[in-house]
Amino acid sequence: MKRTTISSWVVIATSLGLASCGGNEAPMAAPDNQVAPDTGAAAQVAQLDDAQRNGVLERAIRASGAPCPVVSESVRMEVRKGVMGWKAQCDNDTAHLIEITSDGTGRVTSRRD
C-alpha cells in the first residue's frame, strides 16, 4: 500500500465550478458498527461527478506506482472496517481500493479481479 497526496487533484476538480464543503474539520470517531462520515478531501471527492472522480482516482493510482491507463468505473464501498472509500476498476483489468483521508492523503491498495 502506498500513500499519495491527492489534495491538489481535488482542488483542480473543485475549481471547475464545484462548491467546496467541509474544510479542515477533524474526523469524528465512529462507533464500531458505523462508518465514519466523510470530511475534508474525502467529502470533496464524494461530491465530484463520475468523470472528475474517476480522473482523481486514476491519478492517485498512477502516483502509487500501479498501472492504470483509465479508470473505467468507480464504486463507493467500505475499504476497511468503518472506512468508506472507492473501488476503482481500470481498463487493464486491475482493481484498486482507494481510501482518501480528510487531509487529502490517498491510500491505494491494488489487486487483480
N, C-alpha and C. Protein backbone atom coordinates (compact mmCIF):
# COMPACT_ATOMS: atom_id res chain seq x y z
N MET A 1 0.86 -1.16 0.00
CA MET A 1 0.00 0.00 0.00
C MET A 1 0.91 1.22 0.00
N LYS A 2 0.61 2.16 -0.85
CA LYS A 2 1.41 3.36 -0.98
C LYS A 2 0.53 4.57 -0.74
N ARG A 3 1.04 5.57 -0.05
CA ARG A 3 0.28 6.79 0.22
C ARG A 3 0.61 7.84 -0.82
N THR A 4 -0.40 8.54 -1.24
CA THR A 4 -0.24 9.60 -2.22
C THR A 4 -1.11 10.77 -1.79
N THR A 5 -0.58 11.98 -1.89
CA THR A 5 -1.39 13.14 -1.58
C THR A 5 -2.15 13.55 -2.82
N ILE A 6 -3.47 13.62 -2.71
CA ILE A 6 -4.29 13.95 -3.87
C ILE A 6 -5.03 15.26 -3.68
N SER A 7 -4.65 16.03 -2.68
CA SER A 7 -5.34 17.30 -2.43
C SER A 7 -5.31 18.20 -3.64
N SER A 8 -4.19 18.27 -4.34
CA SER A 8 -4.10 19.16 -5.49
C SER A 8 -5.06 18.73 -6.59
N TRP A 9 -5.29 17.43 -6.76
CA TRP A 9 -6.24 16.97 -7.78
C TRP A 9 -7.66 17.35 -7.38
N VAL A 10 -7.94 17.28 -6.11
CA VAL A 10 -9.27 17.67 -5.64
C VAL A 10 -9.47 19.16 -5.86
N VAL A 11 -8.44 19.95 -5.58
CA VAL A 11 -8.54 21.40 -5.78
C VAL A 11 -8.79 21.71 -7.25
N ILE A 12 -8.08 21.03 -8.14
CA ILE A 12 -8.28 21.25 -9.57
C ILE A 12 -9.72 20.90 -9.95
N ALA A 13 -10.19 19.77 -9.50
CA ALA A 13 -11.54 19.34 -9.85
C ALA A 13 -12.59 20.29 -9.26
N THR A 14 -12.38 20.71 -8.03
CA THR A 14 -13.37 21.59 -7.42
C THR A 14 -13.32 22.99 -8.01
N SER A 15 -12.19 23.38 -8.57
CA SER A 15 -12.11 24.70 -9.18
C SER A 15 -12.88 24.77 -10.49
N LEU A 16 -13.33 23.64 -10.97
CA LEU A 16 -14.13 23.61 -12.19
C LEU A 16 -15.56 24.03 -11.94
N GLY A 17 -15.82 24.60 -10.81
CA GLY A 17 -17.16 25.12 -10.54
C GLY A 17 -17.88 24.40 -9.42
N LEU A 18 -17.23 23.47 -8.79
CA LEU A 18 -17.87 22.76 -7.69
C LEU A 18 -17.66 23.53 -6.40
N ALA A 19 -18.66 23.57 -5.59
CA ALA A 19 -18.56 24.26 -4.31
C ALA A 19 -17.77 23.40 -3.35
N SER A 20 -16.92 24.03 -2.61
CA SER A 20 -16.14 23.32 -1.61
C SER A 20 -16.96 23.19 -0.34
N CYS A 21 -16.90 22.03 0.26
CA CYS A 21 -17.59 21.86 1.53
C CYS A 21 -16.62 21.27 2.52
N GLY A 22 -16.98 21.30 3.74
CA GLY A 22 -16.12 20.71 4.76
C GLY A 22 -15.09 21.70 5.20
N GLY A 23 -13.87 21.45 4.90
CA GLY A 23 -12.77 22.28 5.34
C GLY A 23 -11.77 21.39 6.02
N ASN A 24 -11.21 21.86 7.07
CA ASN A 24 -10.20 21.08 7.77
C ASN A 24 -10.72 20.57 9.09
N GLU A 25 -11.97 20.13 9.12
CA GLU A 25 -12.51 19.59 10.36
C GLU A 25 -11.81 18.27 10.69
N ALA A 26 -11.67 18.02 11.97
CA ALA A 26 -11.11 16.74 12.40
C ALA A 26 -12.16 15.66 12.21
N PRO A 27 -11.76 14.46 11.74
CA PRO A 27 -12.74 13.41 11.57
C PRO A 27 -13.33 12.98 12.90
N MET A 28 -14.61 12.66 12.87
CA MET A 28 -15.28 12.21 14.08
C MET A 28 -15.10 10.70 14.23
N ALA A 29 -14.89 10.25 15.42
CA ALA A 29 -14.76 8.82 15.66
C ALA A 29 -16.13 8.18 15.52
N ALA A 30 -16.18 7.06 14.82
CA ALA A 30 -17.44 6.36 14.62
C ALA A 30 -17.49 5.16 15.56
N PRO A 31 -18.69 4.84 16.03
CA PRO A 31 -18.82 3.61 16.82
C PRO A 31 -18.40 2.41 15.96
N ASP A 32 -18.08 1.31 16.60
CA ASP A 32 -17.58 0.14 15.89
C ASP A 32 -18.51 -0.37 14.80
N ASN A 33 -19.80 -0.13 14.91
CA ASN A 33 -20.73 -0.69 13.93
C ASN A 33 -21.19 0.33 12.90
N GLN A 34 -20.55 1.51 12.86
CA GLN A 34 -20.95 2.53 11.90
C GLN A 34 -19.74 3.00 11.10
N VAL A 35 -20.03 3.54 9.93
CA VAL A 35 -18.99 4.08 9.07
C VAL A 35 -18.80 5.55 9.41
N ALA A 36 -17.55 5.99 9.49
CA ALA A 36 -17.24 7.39 9.78
C ALA A 36 -17.70 8.27 8.62
N PRO A 37 -18.20 9.46 8.92
CA PRO A 37 -18.63 10.36 7.85
C PRO A 37 -17.43 10.91 7.08
N ASP A 38 -17.66 11.25 5.80
CA ASP A 38 -16.60 11.85 5.00
C ASP A 38 -16.34 13.27 5.48
N THR A 39 -15.08 13.65 5.51
CA THR A 39 -14.70 15.01 5.84
C THR A 39 -13.58 15.44 4.91
N GLY A 40 -13.32 16.74 4.82
CA GLY A 40 -12.19 17.27 4.06
C GLY A 40 -12.18 16.80 2.61
N ALA A 41 -11.01 16.35 2.18
CA ALA A 41 -10.81 15.93 0.80
C ALA A 41 -11.71 14.75 0.43
N ALA A 42 -11.95 13.84 1.37
CA ALA A 42 -12.81 12.69 1.08
C ALA A 42 -14.22 13.14 0.73
N ALA A 43 -14.72 14.14 1.45
CA ALA A 43 -16.06 14.67 1.16
C ALA A 43 -16.08 15.37 -0.19
N GLN A 44 -15.01 16.07 -0.53
CA GLN A 44 -14.95 16.75 -1.82
C GLN A 44 -14.94 15.76 -2.97
N VAL A 45 -14.18 14.68 -2.85
CA VAL A 45 -14.14 13.67 -3.90
C VAL A 45 -15.51 13.01 -4.04
N ALA A 46 -16.19 12.77 -2.94
CA ALA A 46 -17.51 12.15 -2.98
C ALA A 46 -18.52 13.01 -3.73
N GLN A 47 -18.31 14.31 -3.78
CA GLN A 47 -19.24 15.21 -4.47
C GLN A 47 -18.93 15.40 -5.95
N LEU A 48 -17.81 14.89 -6.42
CA LEU A 48 -17.46 15.05 -7.84
C LEU A 48 -18.37 14.20 -8.72
N ASP A 49 -18.53 14.62 -9.97
CA ASP A 49 -19.28 13.76 -10.90
C ASP A 49 -18.38 12.58 -11.29
N ASP A 50 -18.95 11.58 -11.95
CA ASP A 50 -18.23 10.34 -12.24
C ASP A 50 -16.91 10.59 -12.97
N ALA A 51 -16.93 11.41 -14.02
CA ALA A 51 -15.72 11.63 -14.83
C ALA A 51 -14.63 12.31 -14.00
N GLN A 52 -14.98 13.32 -13.23
CA GLN A 52 -13.99 14.01 -12.41
C GLN A 52 -13.43 13.08 -11.33
N ARG A 53 -14.33 12.36 -10.67
CA ARG A 53 -13.90 11.44 -9.61
C ARG A 53 -12.98 10.36 -10.18
N ASN A 54 -13.35 9.79 -11.32
CA ASN A 54 -12.51 8.76 -11.93
C ASN A 54 -11.13 9.31 -12.28
N GLY A 55 -11.07 10.56 -12.73
CA GLY A 55 -9.79 11.18 -13.03
C GLY A 55 -8.93 11.35 -11.79
N VAL A 56 -9.52 11.78 -10.69
CA VAL A 56 -8.79 11.94 -9.43
C VAL A 56 -8.28 10.58 -8.96
N LEU A 57 -9.13 9.56 -9.00
CA LEU A 57 -8.72 8.23 -8.56
C LEU A 57 -7.64 7.65 -9.47
N GLU A 58 -7.77 7.88 -10.78
CA GLU A 58 -6.77 7.41 -11.75
C GLU A 58 -5.39 7.99 -11.43
N ARG A 59 -5.33 9.30 -11.16
CA ARG A 59 -4.05 9.92 -10.83
C ARG A 59 -3.49 9.40 -9.50
N ALA A 60 -4.36 9.13 -8.54
CA ALA A 60 -3.89 8.58 -7.26
C ALA A 60 -3.30 7.18 -7.46
N ILE A 61 -3.96 6.38 -8.30
CA ILE A 61 -3.46 5.02 -8.57
C ILE A 61 -2.11 5.09 -9.27
N ARG A 62 -2.00 5.92 -10.28
CA ARG A 62 -0.72 6.05 -11.01
C ARG A 62 0.38 6.57 -10.09
N ALA A 63 0.05 7.53 -9.21
CA ALA A 63 1.05 8.07 -8.29
C ALA A 63 1.54 7.00 -7.31
N SER A 64 0.72 6.00 -7.06
CA SER A 64 1.13 4.91 -6.16
C SER A 64 2.09 3.94 -6.85
N GLY A 65 2.24 4.09 -8.17
CA GLY A 65 3.13 3.21 -8.93
C GLY A 65 2.42 2.08 -9.64
N ALA A 66 1.12 1.97 -9.46
CA ALA A 66 0.35 0.91 -10.12
C ALA A 66 -0.07 1.38 -11.51
N PRO A 67 -0.06 0.47 -12.48
CA PRO A 67 -0.51 0.85 -13.82
C PRO A 67 -2.03 0.95 -13.87
N CYS A 68 -2.52 2.02 -14.49
CA CYS A 68 -3.95 2.20 -14.68
C CYS A 68 -4.12 3.19 -15.82
N PRO A 69 -4.26 2.68 -17.05
CA PRO A 69 -4.42 3.59 -18.18
C PRO A 69 -5.63 4.51 -18.02
N VAL A 70 -6.78 3.94 -17.66
CA VAL A 70 -8.02 4.71 -17.49
C VAL A 70 -8.88 4.04 -16.44
N VAL A 71 -9.43 4.82 -15.50
CA VAL A 71 -10.42 4.28 -14.57
C VAL A 71 -11.74 4.24 -15.33
N SER A 72 -12.24 3.04 -15.55
CA SER A 72 -13.48 2.88 -16.31
C SER A 72 -14.72 2.96 -15.43
N GLU A 73 -14.56 2.70 -14.13
CA GLU A 73 -15.70 2.71 -13.21
C GLU A 73 -15.17 2.86 -11.79
N SER A 74 -15.92 3.59 -10.97
CA SER A 74 -15.60 3.66 -9.55
C SER A 74 -16.88 3.49 -8.76
N VAL A 75 -16.76 2.73 -7.69
CA VAL A 75 -17.91 2.40 -6.86
C VAL A 75 -17.56 2.70 -5.41
N ARG A 76 -18.48 3.34 -4.73
CA ARG A 76 -18.32 3.65 -3.31
C ARG A 76 -18.45 2.36 -2.52
N MET A 77 -17.54 2.13 -1.59
CA MET A 77 -17.61 0.92 -0.77
C MET A 77 -16.77 1.09 0.49
N GLU A 78 -17.00 0.19 1.42
CA GLU A 78 -16.22 0.17 2.65
C GLU A 78 -14.88 -0.50 2.33
N VAL A 79 -13.78 0.25 2.45
CA VAL A 79 -12.46 -0.28 2.09
C VAL A 79 -11.78 -0.98 3.25
N ARG A 80 -12.20 -0.66 4.44
CA ARG A 80 -11.82 -1.39 5.64
C ARG A 80 -12.87 -1.08 6.69
N LYS A 81 -12.90 -1.83 7.75
CA LYS A 81 -13.98 -1.70 8.72
C LYS A 81 -14.19 -0.25 9.16
N GLY A 82 -15.40 0.26 8.88
CA GLY A 82 -15.76 1.60 9.30
C GLY A 82 -15.24 2.73 8.43
N VAL A 83 -14.54 2.40 7.33
CA VAL A 83 -13.95 3.43 6.49
C VAL A 83 -14.44 3.27 5.05
N MET A 84 -15.12 4.32 4.57
CA MET A 84 -15.59 4.32 3.19
C MET A 84 -14.50 4.84 2.26
N GLY A 85 -14.51 4.33 1.07
CA GLY A 85 -13.57 4.74 0.04
C GLY A 85 -14.15 4.39 -1.31
N TRP A 86 -13.29 4.07 -2.24
CA TRP A 86 -13.72 3.78 -3.60
C TRP A 86 -13.03 2.53 -4.13
N LYS A 87 -13.76 1.73 -4.88
CA LYS A 87 -13.16 0.66 -5.67
C LYS A 87 -13.11 1.21 -7.09
N ALA A 88 -11.91 1.31 -7.63
CA ALA A 88 -11.73 1.81 -8.98
C ALA A 88 -11.34 0.66 -9.89
N GLN A 89 -12.08 0.50 -10.97
CA GLN A 89 -11.80 -0.53 -11.97
C GLN A 89 -11.09 0.14 -13.14
N CYS A 90 -9.91 -0.36 -13.48
CA CYS A 90 -9.15 0.20 -14.60
C CYS A 90 -9.41 -0.62 -15.86
N ASP A 91 -9.18 0.00 -17.01
CA ASP A 91 -9.44 -0.69 -18.27
C ASP A 91 -8.37 -1.74 -18.61
N ASN A 92 -7.38 -1.94 -17.74
CA ASN A 92 -6.39 -3.01 -17.93
C ASN A 92 -6.68 -4.20 -17.01
N ASP A 93 -7.94 -4.31 -16.56
CA ASP A 93 -8.41 -5.41 -15.71
C ASP A 93 -7.80 -5.43 -14.32
N THR A 94 -7.34 -4.29 -13.83
CA THR A 94 -6.89 -4.20 -12.45
C THR A 94 -7.94 -3.45 -11.65
N ALA A 95 -7.99 -3.74 -10.38
CA ALA A 95 -8.91 -3.05 -9.48
C ALA A 95 -8.11 -2.53 -8.29
N HIS A 96 -8.52 -1.39 -7.77
CA HIS A 96 -7.80 -0.75 -6.69
C HIS A 96 -8.79 -0.21 -5.67
N LEU A 97 -8.44 -0.32 -4.41
CA LEU A 97 -9.22 0.29 -3.34
C LEU A 97 -8.50 1.56 -2.93
N ILE A 98 -9.24 2.67 -2.88
CA ILE A 98 -8.64 3.94 -2.54
C ILE A 98 -9.37 4.54 -1.35
N GLU A 99 -8.63 4.78 -0.29
CA GLU A 99 -9.15 5.49 0.88
C GLU A 99 -8.57 6.89 0.82
N ILE A 100 -9.41 7.90 0.97
CA ILE A 100 -8.96 9.28 0.96
C ILE A 100 -9.19 9.84 2.35
N THR A 101 -8.09 10.17 3.00
CA THR A 101 -8.20 10.72 4.35
C THR A 101 -8.61 12.18 4.27
N SER A 102 -9.04 12.74 5.37
CA SER A 102 -9.53 14.12 5.37
C SER A 102 -8.45 15.13 5.01
N ASP A 103 -7.17 14.77 5.20
CA ASP A 103 -6.10 15.69 4.84
C ASP A 103 -5.65 15.55 3.39
N GLY A 104 -6.32 14.70 2.62
CA GLY A 104 -6.01 14.56 1.21
C GLY A 104 -5.03 13.45 0.88
N THR A 105 -4.62 12.68 1.87
CA THR A 105 -3.73 11.55 1.62
C THR A 105 -4.54 10.40 1.05
N GLY A 106 -4.06 9.85 -0.06
CA GLY A 106 -4.73 8.70 -0.66
C GLY A 106 -3.98 7.42 -0.31
N ARG A 107 -4.70 6.42 0.10
CA ARG A 107 -4.12 5.10 0.37
C ARG A 107 -4.66 4.16 -0.68
N VAL A 108 -3.77 3.66 -1.51
CA VAL A 108 -4.17 2.80 -2.62
C VAL A 108 -3.73 1.38 -2.34
N THR A 109 -4.69 0.47 -2.42
CA THR A 109 -4.40 -0.96 -2.31
C THR A 109 -4.80 -1.58 -3.64
N SER A 110 -3.83 -2.20 -4.33
CA SER A 110 -4.08 -2.75 -5.65
C SER A 110 -4.31 -4.24 -5.58
N ARG A 111 -5.15 -4.73 -6.51
CA ARG A 111 -5.43 -6.16 -6.59
C ARG A 111 -5.87 -6.50 -8.00
N ARG A 112 -5.87 -7.77 -8.32
CA ARG A 112 -6.38 -8.25 -9.62
C ARG A 112 -7.75 -8.83 -9.39
N ASP A 113 -8.70 -8.55 -10.29
CA ASP A 113 -10.05 -9.15 -10.18
C ASP A 113 -10.03 -10.58 -10.65
